[in-house]
């Protein structure tokens, strides 16, 4: 079986098929590496955005907790709709 495969790969058709197969494998590997690199960069961007949002949320919470209660009520009234 192995000798038949080696004999086929040494033929002119086998050489062409092996050459194109190696080229296709190299292109596929390069595509996969680029795709995974892009996915990793997107995950890093998402993690950075999540950390920034958490920091902003914490800063807002600290600011609100330092405000007097009546000022917090006044601030919240600006966000409430008065329809009727």
C-alpha atoms as a PDB file:
ATOM      1  CA  UNK A   1       0.000   0.000   0.000  1.00  0.00           C
ATOM      2  CA  UNK A   2       2.740   2.479   0.966  1.00  0.00           C
ATOM      3  CA  UNK A   3       4.738   1.641  -2.142  1.00  0.00           C
ATOM      4  CA  UNK A   4       1.686   2.309  -4.315  1.00  0.00           C
ATOM      5  CA  UNK A   5       1.239   5.739  -2.724  1.00  0.00           C
ATOM      6  CA  UNK A   6       4.936   6.548  -3.139  1.00  0.00           C
ATOM      7  CA  UNK A   7       4.846   5.358  -6.751  1.00  0.00           C
ATOM      8  CA  UNK A   8       1.815   7.549  -7.442  1.00  0.00           C
ATOM      9  CA  UNK A   9       3.460  10.608  -5.774  1.00  0.00           C
ATOM     10  CA  UNK A  10       6.570  10.168  -7.923  1.00  0.00           C
ATOM     11  CA  UNK A  11       4.541  10.139 -11.123  1.00  0.00           C
ATOM     12  CA  UNK A  12       4.034  13.411 -12.987  1.00  0.00           C
ATOM     13  CA  UNK A  13       0.359  13.649 -11.960  1.00  0.00           C
ATOM     14  CA  UNK A  14       1.208  12.816  -8.350  1.00  0.00           C
ATOM     15  CA  UNK A  15       3.859  15.533  -8.240  1.00  0.00           C
ATOM     16  CA  UNK A  16       1.399  18.141  -9.513  1.00  0.00           C
ATOM     17  CA  UNK A  17      -1.285  17.018  -7.050  1.00  0.00           C
ATOM     18  CA  UNK A  18       1.230  17.015  -4.168  1.00  0.00           C
ATOM     19  CA  UNK A  19       2.502  20.471  -5.138  1.00  0.00           C
ATOM     20  CA  UNK A  20      -0.996  21.971  -5.319  1.00  0.00           C
ATOM     21  CA  UNK A  21      -2.018  20.173  -2.143  1.00  0.00           C
ATOM     22  CA  UNK A  22       0.959  21.630  -0.258  1.00  0.00           C
ATOM     23  CA  UNK A  23       0.176  25.081  -1.641  1.00  0.00           C
ATOM     24  CA  UNK A  24      -3.482  24.758  -0.614  1.00  0.00           C
ATOM     25  CA  UNK A  25      -2.478  23.600   2.859  1.00  0.00           C
ATOM     26  CA  UNK A  26      -0.095  26.557   3.254  1.00  0.00           C
ATOM     27  CA  UNK A  27      -2.786  29.021   2.152  1.00  0.00           C
ATOM     28  CA  UNK A  28      -5.321  27.390   4.467  1.00  0.00           C
ATOM     29  CA  UNK A  29      -2.895  27.580   7.394  1.00  0.00           C
ATOM     30  CA  UNK A  30      -2.127  31.255   6.686  1.00  0.00           C
ATOM     31  CA  UNK A  31      -5.859  32.052   6.483  1.00  0.00           C
ATOM     32  CA  UNK A  32      -6.522  30.235   9.757  1.00  0.00           C
ATOM     33  CA  UNK A  33      -3.687  32.099  11.546  1.00  0.00           C
ATOM     34  CA  UNK A  34      -4.900  35.495  10.282  1.00  0.00           C
ATOM     35  CA  UNK A  35      -8.480  34.696  11.271  1.00  0.00           C
ATOM     36  CA  UNK A  36      -7.490  33.601  14.781  1.00  0.00           C
ATOM     37  CA  UNK A  37      -5.332  36.698  15.168  1.00  0.00           C
ATOM     38  CA  UNK A  38      -8.301  38.892  14.262  1.00  0.00           C
ATOM     39  CA  UNK A  39     -10.552  37.050  16.707  1.00  0.00           C
ATOM     40  CA  UNK A  40      -7.995  37.518  19.490  1.00  0.00           C
ATOM     41  CA  UNK A  41      -7.744  41.231  18.725  1.00  0.00           C
ATOM     42  CA  UNK A  42     -11.542  41.568  18.836  1.00  0.00           C
ATOM     43  CA  UNK A  43     -11.684  39.754  22.186  1.00  0.00           C
ATOM     44  CA  UNK A  44      -9.004  42.107  23.538  1.00  0.00           C
ATOM     45  CA  UNK A  45     -10.966  45.159  22.337  1.00  0.00           C
ATOM     46  CA  UNK A  46     -14.139  43.825  23.935  1.00  0.00           C
ATOM     47  CA  UNK A  47     -12.326  43.189  27.224  1.00  0.00           C
ATOM     48  CA  UNK A  48     -10.885  46.711  27.155  1.00  0.00           C
ATOM     49  CA  UNK A  49     -14.355  48.180  26.574  1.00  0.00           C
ATOM     50  CA  UNK A  50     -15.775  46.086  29.414  1.00  0.00           C
ATOM     51  CA  UNK A  51     -13.090  47.306  31.802  1.00  0.00           C
ATOM     52  CA  UNK A  52     -13.650  50.921  30.762  1.00  0.00           C
ATOM     53  CA  UNK A  53     -17.394  50.563  31.320  1.00  0.00           C
ATOM     54  CA  UNK A  54     -16.810  49.023  34.752  1.00  0.00           C
ATOM     55  CA  UNK A  55     -14.495  51.892  35.712  1.00  0.00           C
ATOM     56  CA  UNK A  56     -17.057  54.473  34.539  1.00  0.00           C
ATOM     57  CA  UNK A  57     -19.830  52.680  36.417  1.00  0.00           C
ATOM     58  CA  UNK A  58     -17.727  52.640  39.590  1.00  0.00           C
ATOM     59  CA  UNK A  59     -16.877  56.349  39.226  1.00  0.00           C
ATOM     60  CA  UNK A  60     -20.557  57.226  38.733  1.00  0.00           C
ATOM     61  CA  UNK A  61     -21.546  55.139  41.739  1.00  0.00           C
ATOM     62  CA  UNK A  62     -18.948  56.911  43.886  1.00  0.00           C
ATOM     63  CA  UNK A  63     -20.114  60.339  42.672  1.00  0.00           C
ATOM     64  CA  UNK A  64     -23.748  59.537  43.442  1.00  0.00           C
ATOM     65  CA  UNK A  65     -22.953  58.083  46.857  1.00  0.00           C
ATOM     66  CA  UNK A  66     -21.194  61.327  47.825  1.00  0.00           C
ATOM     67  CA  UNK A  67     -24.198  63.484  46.834  1.00  0.00           C
ATOM     68  CA  UNK A  68     -26.801  64.504  49.392  1.00  0.00           C
ATOM     69  CA  UNK A  69     -30.140  62.715  49.057  1.00  0.00           C
ATOM     70  CA  UNK A  70     -32.127  65.764  47.970  1.00  0.00           C
ATOM     71  CA  UNK A  71     -29.632  66.530  45.187  1.00  0.00           C
ATOM     72  CA  UNK A  72     -29.884  62.928  43.955  1.00  0.00           C
ATOM     73  CA  UNK A  73     -33.684  63.283  43.872  1.00  0.00           C
ATOM     74  CA  UNK A  74     -33.357  66.531  41.901  1.00  0.00           C
ATOM     75  CA  UNK A  75     -31.008  64.870  39.404  1.00  0.00           C
ATOM     76  CA  UNK A  76     -33.342  61.913  38.975  1.00  0.00           C
ATOM     77  CA  UNK A  77     -36.367  64.155  38.414  1.00  0.00           C
ATOM     78  CA  UNK A  78     -34.713  65.408  35.246  1.00  0.00           C
ATOM     79  CA  UNK A  79     -34.905  61.884  33.856  1.00  0.00           C
ATOM     80  CA  UNK A  80     -38.564  61.231  34.667  1.00  0.00           C
ATOM     81  CA  UNK A  81     -41.171  62.036  32.050  1.00  0.00           C
ATOM     82  CA  UNK A  82     -44.223  63.988  33.192  1.00  0.00           C
ATOM     83  CA  UNK A  83     -46.987  63.031  30.787  1.00  0.00           C
ATOM     84  CA  UNK A  84     -49.993  63.996  32.779  1.00  0.00           C
END
